[in-house]
Amino acid sequence: ERATREARAVFANQVLFAQTERDQALEKAQAERNKRRQVHNKLMEARGNIRVYCRCRPSRDLANVSAAHFPCDDTITISRADLGDSVHFEFDGVFNPDSTQEHVFEDAAKDLIISAL
């Protein structure tokens, strides 16, 4: 009977120790989540809370001639043949007609989704 009480006491101490460790781990995980969220929000502020992207759809022209040209990742140039000139536009990001939904999500929406979580 004494051995049983001692075994129960040892077991109770082990359970208490495990619960304390679990609670500490949960607190640490929550603190890390909060820190990650703060750092992520600071990053988003540094990049600018409002970002503007441009996504061009594929041409419907049978000859597949497009007036849009993409000289770099954040610029689109529209050629105006009737006026003989071009107009340049700059955005936080430009997606050409070949961009996939996955690419658009990765660049434009993923950070917003993570920030909301």
N, C-alpha and C. Protein backbone atom coordinates (compact mmCIF):
# COMPACT_ATOMS: atom_id res chain seq x y z
N GLU A 1 0.81 -1.20 0.00
CA GLU A 1 0.00 0.00 0.00
C GLU A 1 0.86 1.27 0.00
N ARG A 2 1.94 1.22 0.79
CA ARG A 2 2.85 2.37 0.83
C ARG A 2 3.52 2.58 -0.52
N ALA A 3 3.89 1.52 -1.16
CA ALA A 3 4.53 1.60 -2.47
C ALA A 3 3.57 2.18 -3.50
N THR A 4 2.29 1.84 -3.36
CA THR A 4 1.28 2.37 -4.28
C THR A 4 1.12 3.88 -4.09
N ARG A 5 1.11 4.32 -2.82
CA ARG A 5 1.00 5.77 -2.56
C ARG A 5 2.21 6.52 -3.08
N GLU A 6 3.36 5.94 -2.90
CA GLU A 6 4.58 6.59 -3.39
C GLU A 6 4.58 6.65 -4.92
N ALA A 7 4.13 5.59 -5.55
CA ALA A 7 4.06 5.56 -7.02
C ALA A 7 3.05 6.60 -7.52
N ARG A 8 1.93 6.72 -6.82
CA ARG A 8 0.94 7.74 -7.20
C ARG A 8 1.50 9.14 -7.02
N ALA A 9 2.22 9.35 -5.95
CA ALA A 9 2.83 10.68 -5.70
C ALA A 9 3.85 11.02 -6.78
N VAL A 10 4.66 10.04 -7.14
CA VAL A 10 5.65 10.25 -8.21
C VAL A 10 4.94 10.54 -9.52
N PHE A 11 3.91 9.76 -9.80
CA PHE A 11 3.14 9.95 -11.03
C PHE A 11 2.48 11.34 -11.04
N ALA A 12 1.91 11.77 -9.92
CA ALA A 12 1.26 13.08 -9.82
C ALA A 12 2.28 14.18 -10.05
N ASN A 13 3.48 14.03 -9.51
CA ASN A 13 4.54 15.02 -9.73
C ASN A 13 4.94 15.07 -11.20
N GLN A 14 5.04 13.91 -11.83
CA GLN A 14 5.39 13.86 -13.25
C GLN A 14 4.32 14.53 -14.10
N VAL A 15 3.04 14.29 -13.77
CA VAL A 15 1.93 14.91 -14.51
C VAL A 15 1.97 16.41 -14.32
N LEU A 16 2.19 16.87 -13.09
CA LEU A 16 2.26 18.31 -12.81
C LEU A 16 3.41 18.95 -13.57
N PHE A 17 4.56 18.28 -13.60
CA PHE A 17 5.72 18.78 -14.32
C PHE A 17 5.43 18.87 -15.82
N ALA A 18 4.80 17.84 -16.37
CA ALA A 18 4.46 17.82 -17.81
C ALA A 18 3.46 18.93 -18.14
N GLN A 19 2.48 19.14 -17.27
CA GLN A 19 1.50 20.21 -17.51
C GLN A 19 2.17 21.58 -17.46
N THR A 20 3.07 21.76 -16.52
CA THR A 20 3.80 23.03 -16.42
C THR A 20 4.63 23.27 -17.67
N GLU A 21 5.32 22.25 -18.14
CA GLU A 21 6.12 22.38 -19.37
C GLU A 21 5.23 22.69 -20.56
N ARG A 22 4.07 22.03 -20.65
CA ARG A 22 3.14 22.28 -21.74
C ARG A 22 2.65 23.73 -21.70
N ASP A 23 2.28 24.21 -20.53
CA ASP A 23 1.80 25.59 -20.39
C ASP A 23 2.88 26.59 -20.79
N GLN A 24 4.12 26.32 -20.39
CA GLN A 24 5.23 27.20 -20.76
C GLN A 24 5.46 27.19 -22.27
N ALA A 25 5.36 26.01 -22.87
CA ALA A 25 5.53 25.91 -24.32
C ALA A 25 4.42 26.64 -25.06
N LEU A 26 3.18 26.53 -24.57
CA LEU A 26 2.07 27.25 -25.20
C LEU A 26 2.24 28.76 -25.08
N GLU A 27 2.69 29.23 -23.93
CA GLU A 27 2.93 30.66 -23.74
C GLU A 27 4.04 31.14 -24.67
N LYS A 28 5.10 30.35 -24.78
CA LYS A 28 6.21 30.71 -25.66
C LYS A 28 5.76 30.74 -27.13
N ALA A 29 4.95 29.76 -27.52
CA ALA A 29 4.45 29.71 -28.90
C ALA A 29 3.57 30.93 -29.19
N GLN A 30 2.72 31.30 -28.24
CA GLN A 30 1.87 32.48 -28.44
C GLN A 30 2.70 33.74 -28.53
N ALA A 31 3.72 33.85 -27.69
CA ALA A 31 4.61 35.02 -27.74
C ALA A 31 5.33 35.09 -29.09
N GLU A 32 5.77 33.95 -29.61
CA GLU A 32 6.44 33.92 -30.91
C GLU A 32 5.47 34.29 -32.04
N ARG A 33 4.22 33.82 -31.95
CA ARG A 33 3.22 34.20 -32.96
C ARG A 33 2.99 35.70 -32.94
N ASN A 34 2.88 36.26 -31.75
CA ASN A 34 2.68 37.71 -31.63
C ASN A 34 3.87 38.48 -32.19
N LYS A 35 5.07 38.01 -31.88
CA LYS A 35 6.28 38.67 -32.39
C LYS A 35 6.33 38.59 -33.91
N ARG A 36 6.02 37.40 -34.46
CA ARG A 36 6.02 37.23 -35.92
C ARG A 36 5.01 38.16 -36.57
N ARG A 37 3.82 38.27 -35.97
CA ARG A 37 2.78 39.13 -36.51
C ARG A 37 3.23 40.60 -36.48
N GLN A 38 3.88 41.02 -35.39
CA GLN A 38 4.37 42.40 -35.29
C GLN A 38 5.44 42.68 -36.34
N VAL A 39 6.37 41.75 -36.49
CA VAL A 39 7.43 41.93 -37.50
C VAL A 39 6.83 41.96 -38.89
N HIS A 40 5.89 41.08 -39.15
CA HIS A 40 5.25 41.03 -40.46
C HIS A 40 4.51 42.34 -40.74
N ASN A 41 3.78 42.84 -39.75
CA ASN A 41 3.05 44.10 -39.94
C ASN A 41 4.00 45.27 -40.16
N LYS A 42 5.14 45.28 -39.48
CA LYS A 42 6.14 46.33 -39.71
C LYS A 42 6.69 46.24 -41.13
N LEU A 43 6.91 45.02 -41.60
CA LEU A 43 7.38 44.83 -42.97
C LEU A 43 6.35 45.35 -43.96
N MET A 44 5.08 45.04 -43.71
CA MET A 44 4.02 45.51 -44.60
C MET A 44 3.95 47.04 -44.59
N GLU A 45 4.12 47.65 -43.42
CA GLU A 45 4.11 49.12 -43.35
C GLU A 45 5.28 49.69 -44.13
N ALA A 46 6.44 49.05 -44.01
CA ALA A 46 7.62 49.53 -44.72
C ALA A 46 7.43 49.46 -46.23
N ARG A 47 6.75 48.43 -46.68
CA ARG A 47 6.47 48.28 -48.10
C ARG A 47 5.36 49.21 -48.54
N GLY A 48 4.57 49.66 -47.60
CA GLY A 48 3.43 50.50 -47.93
C GLY A 48 2.15 49.72 -47.73
N ASN A 49 1.23 50.29 -46.99
CA ASN A 49 -0.01 49.57 -46.70
C ASN A 49 -0.89 49.43 -47.94
N ILE A 50 -0.74 50.34 -48.86
CA ILE A 50 -1.53 50.26 -50.10
C ILE A 50 -0.58 49.98 -51.24
N ARG A 51 -0.84 48.88 -51.90
CA ARG A 51 -0.02 48.52 -53.05
C ARG A 51 -0.95 48.37 -54.25
N VAL A 52 -0.44 48.76 -55.39
CA VAL A 52 -1.25 48.71 -56.61
C VAL A 52 -0.54 47.79 -57.61
N TYR A 53 -1.30 46.82 -58.08
CA TYR A 53 -0.78 45.87 -59.06
C TYR A 53 -1.58 45.99 -60.35
N CYS A 54 -0.95 45.59 -61.43
CA CYS A 54 -1.62 45.58 -62.72
C CYS A 54 -1.48 44.18 -63.30
N ARG A 55 -2.60 43.62 -63.70
CA ARG A 55 -2.58 42.31 -64.35
C ARG A 55 -3.23 42.45 -65.72
N CYS A 56 -2.48 42.11 -66.74
CA CYS A 56 -2.99 42.22 -68.11
C CYS A 56 -3.50 40.86 -68.57
N ARG A 57 -4.66 40.88 -69.15
CA ARG A 57 -5.22 39.64 -69.66
C ARG A 57 -4.64 39.37 -71.06
N PRO A 58 -4.68 38.14 -71.50
CA PRO A 58 -4.18 37.82 -72.84
C PRO A 58 -4.98 38.56 -73.92
N SER A 59 -4.31 38.84 -75.02
CA SER A 59 -4.94 39.54 -76.14
C SER A 59 -6.02 38.69 -76.79
N ARG A 60 -7.11 39.32 -77.16
CA ARG A 60 -8.16 38.62 -77.90
C ARG A 60 -7.95 38.75 -79.41
N ASP A 61 -6.97 39.53 -79.77
CA ASP A 61 -6.65 39.76 -81.17
C ASP A 61 -6.16 38.45 -81.80
N LEU A 62 -6.73 38.11 -82.94
CA LEU A 62 -6.35 36.86 -83.60
C LEU A 62 -4.89 36.85 -84.01
N ALA A 63 -4.35 38.01 -84.32
CA ALA A 63 -2.94 38.09 -84.71
C ALA A 63 -2.04 38.07 -83.47
N ASN A 64 -2.67 38.11 -82.27
CA ASN A 64 -1.95 38.10 -80.99
C ASN A 64 -0.99 39.28 -80.89
N VAL A 65 -1.41 40.42 -81.40
CA VAL A 65 -0.62 41.64 -81.33
C VAL A 65 -1.09 42.40 -80.09
N SER A 66 -0.17 42.77 -79.25
CA SER A 66 -0.51 43.46 -78.02
C SER A 66 0.12 44.85 -78.00
N ALA A 67 -0.62 45.79 -77.48
CA ALA A 67 -0.10 47.15 -77.32
C ALA A 67 0.66 47.27 -76.01
N ALA A 68 0.56 46.28 -75.15
CA ALA A 68 1.21 46.32 -73.85
C ALA A 68 2.57 45.63 -73.91
N HIS A 69 3.56 46.28 -73.32
CA HIS A 69 4.92 45.73 -73.24
C HIS A 69 5.37 45.82 -71.79
N PHE A 70 6.18 44.88 -71.37
CA PHE A 70 6.57 44.77 -69.98
C PHE A 70 8.09 44.86 -69.85
N PRO A 71 8.63 46.08 -69.80
CA PRO A 71 10.08 46.23 -69.76
C PRO A 71 10.71 45.73 -68.45
N CYS A 72 9.99 45.77 -67.35
CA CYS A 72 10.50 45.24 -66.09
C CYS A 72 9.33 44.83 -65.20
N ASP A 73 9.62 44.33 -64.00
CA ASP A 73 8.59 43.75 -63.13
C ASP A 73 7.54 44.75 -62.64
N ASP A 74 7.86 46.04 -62.66
CA ASP A 74 6.91 47.01 -62.11
C ASP A 74 6.46 48.07 -63.10
N THR A 75 6.72 47.84 -64.37
CA THR A 75 6.39 48.83 -65.39
C THR A 75 5.66 48.18 -66.56
N ILE A 76 4.69 48.91 -67.07
CA ILE A 76 4.00 48.48 -68.29
C ILE A 76 4.03 49.67 -69.25
N THR A 77 4.29 49.38 -70.50
CA THR A 77 4.31 50.41 -71.53
C THR A 77 3.20 50.10 -72.52
N ILE A 78 2.35 51.07 -72.75
CA ILE A 78 1.26 50.92 -73.71
C ILE A 78 1.62 51.73 -74.96
N SER A 79 1.71 51.02 -76.07
CA SER A 79 2.00 51.68 -77.34
C SER A 79 0.70 52.17 -77.96
N ARG A 80 0.71 53.43 -78.35
CA ARG A 80 -0.48 54.00 -79.00
C ARG A 80 -0.14 54.24 -80.47
N ALA A 81 -0.45 53.25 -81.28
CA ALA A 81 -0.10 53.30 -82.70
C ALA A 81 -0.75 54.48 -83.40
N ASP A 82 -1.98 54.82 -83.02
CA ASP A 82 -2.67 55.92 -83.68
C ASP A 82 -1.98 57.26 -83.42
N LEU A 83 -1.31 57.39 -82.28
CA LEU A 83 -0.61 58.63 -81.96
C LEU A 83 0.89 58.51 -82.18
N GLY A 84 1.36 57.30 -82.38
CA GLY A 84 2.78 57.08 -82.64
C GLY A 84 3.66 57.24 -81.41
N ASP A 85 3.13 57.06 -80.22
CA ASP A 85 3.96 57.18 -79.03
C ASP A 85 3.61 56.07 -78.02
N SER A 86 4.23 56.14 -76.87
CA SER A 86 4.02 55.16 -75.82
C SER A 86 3.80 55.86 -74.49
N VAL A 87 3.07 55.20 -73.63
CA VAL A 87 2.84 55.72 -72.29
C VAL A 87 3.34 54.67 -71.30
N HIS A 88 4.10 55.13 -70.30
CA HIS A 88 4.66 54.24 -69.30
C HIS A 88 3.89 54.38 -67.99
N PHE A 89 3.61 53.24 -67.37
CA PHE A 89 2.93 53.22 -66.07
C PHE A 89 3.77 52.38 -65.11
N GLU A 90 3.88 52.84 -63.88
CA GLU A 90 4.61 52.09 -62.85
C GLU A 90 3.65 51.67 -61.76
N PHE A 91 3.81 50.44 -61.30
CA PHE A 91 2.99 49.86 -60.25
C PHE A 91 3.90 49.18 -59.24
N ASP A 92 3.33 48.70 -58.16
CA ASP A 92 4.11 47.90 -57.23
C ASP A 92 4.45 46.55 -57.84
N GLY A 93 3.67 46.12 -58.77
CA GLY A 93 3.92 44.88 -59.49
C GLY A 93 3.07 44.82 -60.74
N VAL A 94 3.61 44.21 -61.78
CA VAL A 94 2.88 44.06 -63.03
C VAL A 94 2.93 42.59 -63.42
N PHE A 95 1.78 42.05 -63.77
CA PHE A 95 1.69 40.66 -64.20
C PHE A 95 1.33 40.63 -65.67
N ASN A 96 2.18 39.99 -66.45
CA ASN A 96 1.93 39.94 -67.89
C ASN A 96 0.86 38.89 -68.19
N PRO A 97 0.41 38.81 -69.43
CA PRO A 97 -0.67 37.87 -69.78
C PRO A 97 -0.34 36.40 -69.50
N ASP A 98 0.94 36.07 -69.41
CA ASP A 98 1.34 34.68 -69.16
C ASP A 98 1.37 34.33 -67.67
N SER A 99 1.14 35.29 -66.79
CA SER A 99 1.19 35.04 -65.34
C SER A 99 0.06 34.10 -64.92
N THR A 100 0.40 33.18 -64.04
CA THR A 100 -0.59 32.23 -63.54
C THR A 100 -1.25 32.78 -62.27
N GLN A 101 -2.37 32.19 -61.90
CA GLN A 101 -3.05 32.58 -60.66
C GLN A 101 -2.11 32.38 -59.47
N GLU A 102 -1.34 31.30 -59.49
CA GLU A 102 -0.42 31.00 -58.40
C GLU A 102 0.62 32.12 -58.27
N HIS A 103 1.15 32.58 -59.40
CA HIS A 103 2.15 33.66 -59.38
C HIS A 103 1.54 34.95 -58.84
N VAL A 104 0.35 35.27 -59.25
CA VAL A 104 -0.33 36.48 -58.77
C VAL A 104 -0.56 36.37 -57.27
N PHE A 105 -1.03 35.22 -56.81
CA PHE A 105 -1.28 35.01 -55.39
C PHE A 105 0.00 35.16 -54.58
N GLU A 106 1.08 34.52 -55.03
CA GLU A 106 2.36 34.59 -54.32
C GLU A 106 2.83 36.03 -54.17
N ASP A 107 2.75 36.81 -55.22
CA ASP A 107 3.28 38.17 -55.19
C ASP A 107 2.32 39.18 -54.58
N ALA A 108 1.05 39.04 -54.82
CA ALA A 108 0.11 40.10 -54.45
C ALA A 108 -0.73 39.80 -53.21
N ALA A 109 -1.15 38.58 -53.03
CA ALA A 109 -2.13 38.30 -51.98
C ALA A 109 -1.61 37.52 -50.79
N LYS A 110 -0.55 36.78 -50.95
CA LYS A 110 -0.10 35.90 -49.87
C LYS A 110 0.23 36.68 -48.60
N ASP A 111 0.93 37.80 -48.72
CA ASP A 111 1.28 38.60 -47.54
C ASP A 111 0.04 39.13 -46.84
N LEU A 112 -0.96 39.51 -47.61
CA LEU A 112 -2.21 40.01 -47.03
C LEU A 112 -2.91 38.91 -46.24
N ILE A 113 -2.93 37.71 -46.78
CA ILE A 113 -3.56 36.58 -46.11
C ILE A 113 -2.82 36.24 -44.83
N ILE A 114 -1.49 36.22 -44.90
CA ILE A 114 -0.68 35.91 -43.71
C ILE A 114 -0.91 36.97 -42.64
N SER A 115 -0.98 38.23 -43.04
CA SER A 115 -1.18 39.31 -42.08
C SER A 115 -2.54 39.18 -41.40
N ALA A 116 -3.53 38.73 -42.12
CA ALA A 116 -4.87 38.58 -41.54
C ALA A 116 -4.92 37.43 -40.54
N LEU A 117 -4.09 36.43 -40.76
CA LEU A 117 -4.06 35.29 -39.84
C LEU A 117 -3.39 35.69 -38.56
